[in-house]
Amino acid sequence: MSYQTQVVEHGVGVIAFSDGVTAVSNVLQQVSTMPVKYIRRLEQDLQTVNGSGRDTVCIDFCAGNDACVLTTVNTSLRQRGIPLVGGTGDQGKVSANGIIYEDAVAYGLVRNQNGRVKTYKENIYHQLGQYRFIASDTDRSNYILGSLNGKPAKQVYKDILHVSDEEILTRTFQNPFGKVNGDDTCIISIKEVQGNALACFRQVNDSDVLILLELGDYQAITRETIQQICRDFPRRSAIFSINCLFRYKLFSEHNYMQAYLRDMAALGNHAGFVGYGEHYNNRFVNQSMTCVVFE
């Protein structure tokens, strides 16, 4: 699914940088087991583009194991301070330079020849109450969250929000979990109920510190993001973004999606894709928007 001034749910979306850029694309394979095996490809591409954090961005699309992929890729990008935005697909496949790969991540390094680049991450949620949990009984490979503070995760979620098993999957639009990461919060969406556990859209590890989130004034937050971009970049040539599927569903249910795309289009050339998860530098998040702005 792609978008510019409207969302196209079916078909193929093509987003092209037509001029003023230096770019190279490639792929890292075996992401479920050893993406670092192919890191030399990225290092060589970084030399080819010869950019810096001021003018270059990495855009990636991943077929799985996102957290490990981002950690691996960031080992090379951080040496030059180059930011990353990207997302996850739902078919387990990516393509680079005309070849289709499974268990891989495709990426493009894009250098702006005529100005700066800057990445942004938008979070429309804030902490609910003072709830603070230690995760346990997790299954990292299947993104299972078994217990919170020693109690079944499903029951903890139900007791706080007073919802039924059936309501949990839609309530995650209003109340996802958040993983505290320094001064930032990585959003964790609930995918499904599995017995007394919760399956999520991103990995949760034993001893992770989690909080419960609630939906904020998303229209005011998106306006502030747009205003911040305008302050940072009085002149903009392009904006590329990844919006979470759950954001798309939430905005659509509240009849806001078209207004949101109109507001983003007012910035200039804006286009992007709907993802199952979003990438921001070395972080894998859910229910967020990440984007890169080109001066």
C-alpha atoms as a PDB file:
ATOM      1  CA  MET A   1       0.000   0.000   0.000  1.00  0.00           C
ATOM      2  CA  SER A   2       1.355   3.381  -1.009  1.00  0.00           C
ATOM      3  CA  TYR A   3       0.217   6.988  -0.842  1.00  0.00           C
ATOM      4  CA  GLN A   4       0.756  10.485  -2.098  1.00  0.00           C
ATOM      5  CA  THR A   5      -2.404  12.588  -1.874  1.00  0.00           C
ATOM      6  CA  GLN A   6      -4.455   9.412  -1.388  1.00  0.00           C
ATOM      7  CA  VAL A   7      -3.807   5.809  -0.310  1.00  0.00           C
ATOM      8  CA  VAL A   8      -3.628   3.103  -2.980  1.00  0.00           C
ATOM      9  CA  GLU A   9      -4.403  -0.214  -1.303  1.00  0.00           C
ATOM     10  CA  HIS A  10      -3.880  -2.483  -4.316  1.00  0.00           C
ATOM     11  CA  GLY A  11      -1.326  -2.517  -7.110  1.00  0.00           C
ATOM     12  CA  VAL A  12       2.230  -1.229  -7.285  1.00  0.00           C
ATOM     13  CA  GLY A  13       3.506   2.045  -5.901  1.00  0.00           C
ATOM     14  CA  VAL A  14       6.569   3.575  -7.547  1.00  0.00           C
ATOM     15  CA  ILE A  15       8.411   6.412  -5.815  1.00  0.00           C
ATOM     16  CA  ALA A  16      11.341   7.854  -7.748  1.00  0.00           C
ATOM     17  CA  PHE A  17      14.020  10.414  -6.967  1.00  0.00           C
ATOM     18  CA  SER A  18      14.399  11.983 -10.405  1.00  0.00           C
ATOM     19  CA  ASP A  19      17.425  14.235 -10.031  1.00  0.00           C
ATOM     20  CA  GLY A  20      19.785  15.874  -7.579  1.00  0.00           C
ATOM     21  CA  VAL A  21      20.751  12.655  -5.837  1.00  0.00           C
ATOM     22  CA  THR A  22      23.484  10.046  -5.799  1.00  0.00           C
ATOM     23  CA  ALA A  23      22.077   6.647  -4.943  1.00  0.00           C
ATOM     24  CA  VAL A  24      22.955   2.970  -4.694  1.00  0.00           C
ATOM     25  CA  SER A  25      20.860  -0.044  -3.654  1.00  0.00           C
ATOM     26  CA  ASN A  26      21.714  -3.495  -2.396  1.00  0.00           C
ATOM     27  CA  VAL A  27      20.607  -6.330  -0.122  1.00  0.00           C
ATOM     28  CA  LEU A  28      21.768  -8.140   3.018  1.00  0.00           C
ATOM     29  CA  GLN A  29      20.709 -11.784   3.129  1.00  0.00           C
ATOM     30  CA  GLN A  30      20.124 -14.409   5.834  1.00  0.00           C
ATOM     31  CA  VAL A  31      18.670 -11.805   8.173  1.00  0.00           C
ATOM     32  CA  SER A  32      17.114 -14.448  10.425  1.00  0.00           C
ATOM     33  CA  THR A  33      20.511 -15.902  11.257  1.00  0.00           C
ATOM     34  CA  MET A  34      23.525 -13.795  10.194  1.00  0.00           C
ATOM     35  CA  PRO A  35      22.938 -10.484   8.379  1.00  0.00           C
ATOM     36  CA  VAL A  36      26.414  -9.353   9.457  1.00  0.00           C
ATOM     37  CA  LYS A  37      27.835 -11.884   6.981  1.00  0.00           C
ATOM     38  CA  TYR A  38      26.981  -9.424   4.172  1.00  0.00           C
ATOM     39  CA  ILE A  39      27.863  -6.153   5.899  1.00  0.00           C
ATOM     40  CA  ARG A  40      30.796  -5.601   3.532  1.00  0.00           C
ATOM     41  CA  ARG A  41      28.278  -4.789   0.795  1.00  0.00           C
ATOM     42  CA  LEU A  42      26.936  -1.885   2.828  1.00  0.00           C
ATOM     43  CA  GLU A  43      30.413  -0.665   3.688  1.00  0.00           C
ATOM     44  CA  GLN A  44      31.396  -0.632   0.003  1.00  0.00           C
ATOM     45  CA  ASP A  45      28.174   1.194  -0.926  1.00  0.00           C
ATOM     46  CA  LEU A  46      28.870   3.815   1.732  1.00  0.00           C
ATOM     47  CA  GLN A  47      32.267   4.426   0.114  1.00  0.00           C
ATOM     48  CA  THR A  48      30.622   4.726  -3.312  1.00  0.00           C
ATOM     49  CA  VAL A  49      28.066   7.296  -2.185  1.00  0.00           C
ATOM     50  CA  ASN A  50      30.658   9.024   0.026  1.00  0.00           C
ATOM     51  CA  GLY A  51      28.045  10.896   2.015  1.00  0.00           C
ATOM     52  CA  SER A  52      27.641  12.067   5.599  1.00  0.00           C
ATOM     53  CA  GLY A  53      24.881  12.446   8.133  1.00  0.00           C
ATOM     54  CA  ARG A  54      24.283  15.928   6.816  1.00  0.00           C
ATOM     55  CA  ASP A  55      23.281  14.917   3.286  1.00  0.00           C
ATOM     56  CA  THR A  56      22.703  11.127   3.144  1.00  0.00           C
ATOM     57  CA  VAL A  57      20.009   8.723   4.354  1.00  0.00           C
ATOM     58  CA  CYS A  58      19.581   4.945   4.277  1.00  0.00           C
ATOM     59  CA  ILE A  59      16.086   3.744   3.330  1.00  0.00           C
ATOM     60  CA  ASP A  60      15.438   0.051   4.024  1.00  0.00           C
ATOM     61  CA  PHE A  61      12.719  -2.565   3.590  1.00  0.00           C
ATOM     62  CA  CYS A  62      12.975  -5.695   5.695  1.00  0.00           C
ATOM     63  CA  ALA A  63      11.512  -9.193   5.470  1.00  0.00           C
ATOM     64  CA  GLY A  64      11.994 -10.069   9.145  1.00  0.00           C
ATOM     65  CA  ASN A  65      14.245 -10.037  12.211  1.00  0.00           C
ATOM     66  CA  ASP A  66      14.092  -6.256  12.130  1.00  0.00           C
ATOM     67  CA  ALA A  67      15.759  -5.554  15.473  1.00  0.00           C
ATOM     68  CA  CYS A  68      18.842  -7.629  14.591  1.00  0.00           C
ATOM     69  CA  VAL A  69      18.987  -6.140  11.093  1.00  0.00           C
ATOM     70  CA  LEU A  70      18.887  -2.578  12.393  1.00  0.00           C
ATOM     71  CA  THR A  71      21.596  -3.267  14.971  1.00  0.00           C
ATOM     72  CA  THR A  72      23.768  -4.776  12.243  1.00  0.00           C
ATOM     73  CA  VAL A  73      23.225  -2.018   9.690  1.00  0.00           C
ATOM     74  CA  ASN A  74      23.745   0.683  12.306  1.00  0.00           C
ATOM     75  CA  THR A  75      27.260  -0.569  13.059  1.00  0.00           C
ATOM     76  CA  SER A  76      28.267   0.775   9.638  1.00  0.00           C
ATOM     77  CA  LEU A  77      25.949   3.783   9.356  1.00  0.00           C
ATOM     78  CA  ARG A  78      26.870   5.276  12.727  1.00  0.00           C
ATOM     79  CA  GLN A  79      30.527   5.614  11.730  1.00  0.00           C
ATOM     80  CA  ARG A  80      29.412   8.304   9.282  1.00  0.00           C
ATOM     81  CA  GLY A  81      26.408   9.478  11.326  1.00  0.00           C
ATOM     82  CA  ILE A  82      24.017   8.483   8.535  1.00  0.00           C
ATOM     83  CA  PRO A  83      20.363   8.138   9.631  1.00  0.00           C
ATOM     84  CA  LEU A  84      17.932   5.411   8.555  1.00  0.00           C
ATOM     85  CA  VAL A  85      14.207   5.182   7.926  1.00  0.00           C
ATOM     86  CA  GLY A  86      12.335   2.172   6.631  1.00  0.00           C
ATOM     87  CA  GLY A  87       9.776  -0.491   7.333  1.00  0.00           C
ATOM     88  CA  THR A  88       8.583  -4.079   7.204  1.00  0.00           C
ATOM     89  CA  GLY A  89       6.519  -5.844   4.561  1.00  0.00           C
ATOM     90  CA  ASP A  90       4.095  -8.703   5.160  1.00  0.00           C
ATOM     91  CA  GLN A  91       5.112 -11.219   2.481  1.00  0.00           C
ATOM     92  CA  GLY A  92       8.591 -12.145   3.709  1.00  0.00           C
ATOM     93  CA  LYS A  93      10.207 -10.988   0.461  1.00  0.00           C
ATOM     94  CA  VAL A  94      12.142  -7.977  -0.795  1.00  0.00           C
ATOM     95  CA  SER A  95      13.715  -7.064  -4.117  1.00  0.00           C
ATOM     96  CA  ALA A  96      16.887  -5.212  -5.033  1.00  0.00           C
ATOM     97  CA  ASN A  97      18.260  -4.549  -8.505  1.00  0.00           C
ATOM     98  CA  GLY A  98      15.747  -6.843 -10.160  1.00  0.00           C
ATOM     99  CA  ILE A  99      16.227  -9.915  -7.956  1.00  0.00           C
ATOM    100  CA  ILE A 100      13.672 -11.165  -5.392  1.00  0.00           C
ATOM    101  CA  TYR A 101      15.022 -12.344  -2.042  1.00  0.00           C
ATOM    102  CA  GLU A 102      13.522 -14.074   0.964  1.00  0.00           C
ATOM    103  CA  ASP A 103      14.924 -13.629   4.459  1.00  0.00           C
ATOM    104  CA  ALA A 104      16.647 -10.393   3.485  1.00  0.00           C
ATOM    105  CA  VAL A 105      16.690  -6.628   3.822  1.00  0.00           C
ATOM    106  CA  ALA A 106      16.884  -4.339   0.803  1.00  0.00           C
ATOM    107  CA  TYR A 107      18.288  -0.850   1.216  1.00  0.00           C
ATOM    108  CA  GLY A 108      19.048   2.284  -0.706  1.00  0.00           C
ATOM    109  CA  LEU A 109      21.623   4.921   0.188  1.00  0.00           C
ATOM    110  CA  VAL A 110      20.443   8.304  -1.083  1.00  0.00           C
ATOM    111  CA  ARG A 111      22.695  11.361  -1.018  1.00  0.00           C
ATOM    112  CA  ASN A 112      21.198  14.797  -1.561  1.00  0.00           C
ATOM    113  CA  GLN A 113      23.498  16.744  -3.883  1.00  0.00           C
ATOM    114  CA  ASN A 114      21.778  20.063  -3.206  1.00  0.00           C
ATOM    115  CA  GLY A 115      21.326  20.275   0.548  1.00  0.00           C
ATOM    116  CA  ARG A 116      20.676  18.552   3.815  1.00  0.00           C
ATOM    117  CA  VAL A 117      18.585  15.579   4.884  1.00  0.00           C
ATOM    118  CA  LYS A 118      16.947  14.971   8.245  1.00  0.00           C
ATOM    119  CA  THR A 119      14.864  12.126   9.651  1.00  0.00           C
ATOM    120  CA  TYR A 120      11.841  12.358  11.958  1.00  0.00           C
ATOM    121  CA  LYS A 121       9.789   9.909  14.038  1.00  0.00           C
ATOM    122  CA  GLU A 122       6.265  10.787  15.079  1.00  0.00           C
ATOM    123  CA  ASN A 123       4.660   9.274  18.204  1.00  0.00           C
ATOM    124  CA  ILE A 124       0.980  10.056  18.762  1.00  0.00           C
ATOM    125  CA  TYR A 125       0.864   8.238  22.135  1.00  0.00           C
ATOM    126  CA  HIS A 126       1.800   9.141  25.706  1.00  0.00           C
ATOM    127  CA  GLN A 127       2.048   7.189  28.959  1.00  0.00           C
ATOM    128  CA  LEU A 128      -1.148   6.012  30.640  1.00  0.00           C
ATOM    129  CA  GLY A 129      -1.005   6.407  34.405  1.00  0.00           C
ATOM    130  CA  GLN A 130       2.064   5.192  36.261  1.00  0.00           C
ATOM    131  CA  TYR A 131       1.925   1.578  35.095  1.00  0.00           C
ATOM    132  CA  ARG A 132       5.378   0.064  34.773  1.00  0.00           C
ATOM    133  CA  PHE A 133       6.032  -3.575  33.944  1.00  0.00           C
ATOM    134  CA  ILE A 134       8.910  -6.017  33.791  1.00  0.00           C
ATOM    135  CA  ALA A 135       8.412  -8.464  30.908  1.00  0.00           C
ATOM    136  CA  SER A 136       9.013 -12.192  31.399  1.00  0.00           C
ATOM    137  CA  ASP A 137       8.100 -15.554  29.873  1.00  0.00           C
ATOM    138  CA  THR A 138       8.839 -14.085  26.454  1.00  0.00           C
ATOM    139  CA  ASP A 139       9.436 -15.950  23.199  1.00  0.00           C
ATOM    140  CA  ARG A 140      11.688 -13.669  21.182  1.00  0.00           C
ATOM    141  CA  SER A 141      11.442 -15.613  17.930  1.00  0.00           C
ATOM    142  CA  ASN A 142       7.635 -15.422  17.922  1.00  0.00           C
ATOM    143  CA  TYR A 143       7.331 -11.983  19.578  1.00  0.00           C
ATOM    144  CA  ILE A 144       5.393 -13.461  22.523  1.00  0.00           C
ATOM    145  CA  LEU A 145       4.872 -11.486  25.731  1.00  0.00           C
ATOM    146  CA  GLY A 146       3.983 -14.018  28.423  1.00  0.00           C
ATOM    147  CA  SER A 147       3.949 -12.173  31.740  1.00  0.00           C
ATOM    148  CA  LEU A 148       4.015  -8.659  33.174  1.00  0.00           C
ATOM    149  CA  ASN A 149       5.310  -8.310  36.717  1.00  0.00           C
ATOM    150  CA  GLY A 150       4.877 -12.061  37.078  1.00  0.00           C
ATOM    151  CA  LYS A 151       1.198 -12.114  36.058  1.00  0.00           C
ATOM    152  CA  PRO A 152      -0.266 -13.341  32.721  1.00  0.00           C
ATOM    153  CA  ALA A 153       0.096 -10.507  30.197  1.00  0.00           C
ATOM    154  CA  LYS A 154      -3.411 -10.923  28.792  1.00  0.00           C
ATOM    155  CA  GLN A 155      -5.036 -10.665  32.219  1.00  0.00           C
ATOM    156  CA  VAL A 156      -2.993  -7.608  33.203  1.00  0.00           C
ATOM    157  CA  TYR A 157      -4.066  -5.793  30.017  1.00  0.00           C
ATOM    158  CA  LYS A 158      -7.724  -6.788  30.476  1.00  0.00           C
ATOM    159  CA  ASP A 159      -7.862  -5.795  34.145  1.00  0.00           C
ATOM    160  CA  ILE A 160      -6.409  -2.312  33.564  1.00  0.00           C
ATOM    161  CA  LEU A 161      -8.522  -1.435  30.528  1.00  0.00           C
ATOM    162  CA  HIS A 162     -11.647  -3.489  31.373  1.00  0.00           C
ATOM    163  CA  VAL A 163     -11.828  -5.160  27.961  1.00  0.00           C
ATOM    164  CA  SER A 164     -12.708  -8.642  26.771  1.00  0.00           C
ATOM    165  CA  ASP A 165     -10.409 -11.023  24.887  1.00  0.00           C
ATOM    166  CA  GLU A 166     -12.080 -10.007  21.632  1.00  0.00           C
ATOM    167  CA  GLU A 167     -11.616  -6.298  22.283  1.00  0.00           C
ATOM    168  CA  ILE A 168      -7.864  -6.518  22.905  1.00  0.00           C
ATOM    169  CA  LEU A 169      -6.932  -6.521  19.201  1.00  0.00           C
ATOM    170  CA  THR A 170      -8.778  -3.294  18.439  1.00  0.00           C
ATOM    171  CA  ARG A 171      -7.910  -1.662  21.762  1.00  0.00           C
ATOM    172  CA  THR A 172      -4.224  -1.716  20.794  1.00  0.00           C
ATOM    173  CA  PHE A 173      -5.060   1.212  18.465  1.00  0.00           C
ATOM    174  CA  GLN A 174      -5.769   3.303  21.576  1.00  0.00           C
ATOM    175  CA  ASN A 175      -3.543   1.524  24.121  1.00  0.00           C
ATOM    176  CA  PRO A 176      -0.383  -0.156  22.821  1.00  0.00           C
ATOM    177  CA  PHE A 177       2.590  -0.962  25.025  1.00  0.00           C
ATOM    178  CA  GLY A 178       5.734   1.125  25.031  1.00  0.00           C
ATOM    179  CA  LYS A 179       9.330   0.078  25.653  1.00  0.00           C
ATOM    180  CA  VAL A 180      11.368   2.716  27.435  1.00  0.00           C
ATOM    181  CA  ASN A 181      14.532   3.436  25.460  1.00  0.00           C
ATOM    182  CA  GLY A 182      16.440   6.259  27.148  1.00  0.00           C
ATOM    183  CA  ASP A 183      14.396   9.418  26.610  1.00  0.00           C
ATOM    184  CA  ASP A 184      12.418   7.763  23.817  1.00  0.00           C
ATOM    185  CA  THR A 185       9.559   5.244  23.775  1.00  0.00           C
ATOM    186  CA  CYS A 186       9.328   2.441  21.215  1.00  0.00           C
ATOM    187  CA  ILE A 187       5.699   1.517  20.570  1.00  0.00           C
ATOM    188  CA  ILE A 188       4.742  -2.176  20.678  1.00  0.00           C
ATOM    189  CA  SER A 189       1.471  -3.243  19.003  1.00  0.00           C
ATOM    190  CA  ILE A 190      -0.524  -6.281  20.071  1.00  0.00           C
ATOM    191  CA  LYS A 191      -1.024  -8.738  17.225  1.00  0.00           C
ATOM    192  CA  GLU A 192      -3.171 -11.458  18.805  1.00  0.00           C
ATOM    193  CA  VAL A 193      -4.040 -13.332  21.984  1.00  0.00           C
ATOM    194  CA  GLN A 194      -2.290 -16.669  22.485  1.00  0.00           C
ATOM    195  CA  GLY A 195      -3.672 -18.401  25.551  1.00  0.00           C
ATOM    196  CA  ASN A 196      -2.779 -16.183  28.507  1.00  0.00           C
ATOM    197  CA  ALA A 197      -0.020 -14.477  26.522  1.00  0.00           C
ATOM    198  CA  LEU A 198       0.001 -11.660  23.963  1.00  0.00           C
ATOM    199  CA  ALA A 199       1.696 -11.940  20.567  1.00  0.00           C
ATOM    200  CA  CYS A 200       3.144  -8.600  19.442  1.00  0.00           C
ATOM    201  CA  PHE A 201       4.391  -7.025  16.207  1.00  0.00           C
ATOM    202  CA  ARG A 202       7.880  -6.433  17.589  1.00  0.00           C
ATOM    203  CA  GLN A 203      10.209  -8.389  19.803  1.00  0.00           C
ATOM    204  CA  VAL A 204       9.929  -8.210  23.578  1.00  0.00           C
ATOM    205  CA  ASN A 205      12.701  -9.645  25.746  1.00  0.00           C
ATOM    206  CA  ASP A 206      12.766 -10.864  29.324  1.00  0.00           C
ATOM    207  CA  SER A 207      13.473  -7.979  31.738  1.00  0.00           C
ATOM    208  CA  ASP A 208      12.396  -5.305  29.232  1.00  0.00           C
ATOM    209  CA  VAL A 209      10.751  -2.357  31.001  1.00  0.00           C
ATOM    210  CA  LEU A 210       7.342  -1.642  29.484  1.00  0.00           C
ATOM    211  CA  ILE A 211       4.719   1.031  30.047  1.00  0.00           C
ATOM    212  CA  LEU A 212       1.134   1.320  28.856  1.00  0.00           C
ATOM    213  CA  LEU A 213       0.331   4.072  26.370  1.00  0.00           C
ATOM    214  CA  GLU A 214      -2.797   5.954  25.377  1.00  0.00           C
ATOM    215  CA  LEU A 215      -3.698   7.836  22.224  1.00  0.00           C
ATOM    216  CA  GLY A 216      -3.079  11.574  22.340  1.00  0.00           C
ATOM    217  CA  ASP A 217      -4.398  14.463  20.238  1.00  0.00           C
ATOM    218  CA  TYR A 218      -3.053  13.003  17.009  1.00  0.00           C
ATOM    219  CA  GLN A 219      -4.225  15.901  14.842  1.00  0.00           C
ATOM    220  CA  ALA A 220      -2.356  18.427  16.993  1.00  0.00           C
ATOM    221  CA  ILE A 221       0.727  16.156  17.077  1.00  0.00           C
ATOM    222  CA  THR A 222       0.834  15.756  13.297  1.00  0.00           C
ATOM    223  CA  ARG A 223       0.446  19.525  12.873  1.00  0.00           C
ATOM    224  CA  GLU A 224       3.384  20.068  15.220  1.00  0.00           C
ATOM    225  CA  THR A 225       5.512  17.621  13.209  1.00  0.00           C
ATOM    226  CA  ILE A 226       4.704  19.542  10.014  1.00  0.00           C
ATOM    227  CA  GLN A 227       5.506  22.855  11.703  1.00  0.00           C
ATOM    228  CA  GLN A 228       8.811  21.467  12.972  1.00  0.00           C
ATOM    229  CA  ILE A 229       9.758  20.327   9.461  1.00  0.00           C
ATOM    230  CA  CYS A 230       8.958  23.804   8.145  1.00  0.00           C
ATOM    231  CA  ARG A 231      11.140  25.388  10.820  1.00  0.00           C
ATOM    232  CA  ASP A 232      14.018  23.031  10.066  1.00  0.00           C
ATOM    233  CA  PHE A 233      13.640  23.239   6.279  1.00  0.00           C
ATOM    234  CA  PRO A 234      12.230  26.481   4.836  1.00  0.00           C
ATOM    235  CA  ARG A 235      12.843  24.940   1.412  1.00  0.00           C
ATOM    236  CA  ARG A 236      11.994  21.273   0.806  1.00  0.00           C
ATOM    237  CA  SER A 237      12.426  19.211  -2.348  1.00  0.00           C
ATOM    238  CA  ALA A 238      10.928  15.909  -1.138  1.00  0.00           C
ATOM    239  CA  ILE A 239       9.550  14.034   1.869  1.00  0.00           C
ATOM    240  CA  PHE A 240       9.538  10.228   1.977  1.00  0.00           C
ATOM    241  CA  SER A 241       7.660   8.505   4.802  1.00  0.00           C
ATOM    242  CA  ILE A 242       6.574   5.153   6.206  1.00  0.00           C
ATOM    243  CA  ASN A 243       3.239   5.085   8.037  1.00  0.00           C
ATOM    244  CA  CYS A 244       2.185   2.121  10.146  1.00  0.00           C
ATOM    245  CA  LEU A 245      -0.805   0.062   9.005  1.00  0.00           C
ATOM    246  CA  PHE A 246      -2.414   0.660  12.402  1.00  0.00           C
ATOM    247  CA  ARG A 247      -2.020   4.438  12.009  1.00  0.00           C
ATOM    248  CA  TYR A 248      -3.677   4.166   8.609  1.00  0.00           C
ATOM    249  CA  LYS A 249      -6.566   2.184  10.113  1.00  0.00           C
ATOM    250  CA  LEU A 250      -6.908   4.574  13.043  1.00  0.00           C
ATOM    251  CA  PHE A 251      -6.843   7.689  10.852  1.00  0.00           C
ATOM    252  CA  SER A 252      -9.288   6.114   8.396  1.00  0.00           C
ATOM    253  CA  GLU A 253     -11.750   5.161  11.147  1.00  0.00           C
ATOM    254  CA  HIS A 254     -11.713   8.772  12.335  1.00  0.00           C
ATOM    255  CA  ASN A 255     -12.028  10.164   8.765  1.00  0.00           C
ATOM    256  CA  TYR A 256      -8.652  11.877   9.122  1.00  0.00           C
ATOM    257  CA  MET A 257      -6.454  10.076   6.599  1.00  0.00           C
ATOM    258  CA  GLN A 258      -7.260  12.299   3.631  1.00  0.00           C
ATOM    259  CA  ALA A 259      -6.833  15.465   5.680  1.00  0.00           C
ATOM    260  CA  TYR A 260      -3.513  14.125   6.965  1.00  0.00           C
ATOM    261  CA  LEU A 261      -2.223  13.464   3.444  1.00  0.00           C
ATOM    262  CA  ARG A 262      -3.380  16.928   2.297  1.00  0.00           C
ATOM    263  CA  ASP A 263      -1.500  18.528   5.179  1.00  0.00           C
ATOM    264  CA  MET A 264       1.649  16.552   4.382  1.00  0.00           C
ATOM    265  CA  ALA A 265       1.319  17.388   0.678  1.00  0.00           C
ATOM    266  CA  ALA A 266       1.400  21.078   1.603  1.00  0.00           C
ATOM    267  CA  LEU A 267       5.047  20.539   2.556  1.00  0.00           C
ATOM    268  CA  GLY A 268       5.879  19.705  -1.055  1.00  0.00           C
ATOM    269  CA  ASN A 269       6.541  16.419  -2.832  1.00  0.00           C
ATOM    270  CA  HIS A 270       5.431  13.829  -0.244  1.00  0.00           C
ATOM    271  CA  ALA A 271       4.967  10.112  -0.846  1.00  0.00           C
ATOM    272  CA  GLY A 272       5.462   6.873   1.030  1.00  0.00           C
ATOM    273  CA  PHE A 273       4.366   3.375   1.963  1.00  0.00           C
ATOM    274  CA  VAL A 274       2.259   1.704   4.631  1.00  0.00           C
ATOM    275  CA  GLY A 275       4.354  -0.684   6.721  1.00  0.00           C
ATOM    276  CA  TYR A 276       3.864  -3.457   9.267  1.00  0.00           C
ATOM    277  CA  GLY A 277       6.603  -1.906  11.409  1.00  0.00           C
ATOM    278  CA  GLU A 278       8.727   1.204  11.168  1.00  0.00           C
ATOM    279  CA  HIS A 279      12.486   1.711  11.336  1.00  0.00           C
ATOM    280  CA  TYR A 280      14.198   4.757  12.792  1.00  0.00           C
ATOM    281  CA  ASN A 281      17.996   4.598  12.969  1.00  0.00           C
ATOM    282  CA  ASN A 282      18.635   1.487  15.100  1.00  0.00           C
ATOM    283  CA  ARG A 283      15.067   1.242  16.465  1.00  0.00           C
ATOM    284  CA  PHE A 284      12.184  -0.971  15.369  1.00  0.00           C
ATOM    285  CA  VAL A 285       8.824   0.520  16.356  1.00  0.00           C
ATOM    286  CA  ASN A 286       5.096   0.059  15.735  1.00  0.00           C
ATOM    287  CA  GLN A 287       2.173   2.460  15.256  1.00  0.00           C
ATOM    288  CA  SER A 288       4.541   5.280  14.280  1.00  0.00           C
ATOM    289  CA  MET A 289       5.487   7.424  11.297  1.00  0.00           C
ATOM    290  CA  THR A 290       9.099   7.813  10.227  1.00  0.00           C
ATOM    291  CA  CYS A 291      10.203  10.073   7.409  1.00  0.00           C
ATOM    292  CA  VAL A 292      13.166  11.740   5.751  1.00  0.00           C
ATOM    293  CA  VAL A 293      13.079  15.307   4.468  1.00  0.00           C
ATOM    294  CA  PHE A 294      15.318  16.481   1.626  1.00  0.00           C
ATOM    295  CA  GLU A 295      16.287  20.145   1.454  1.00  0.00           C
END
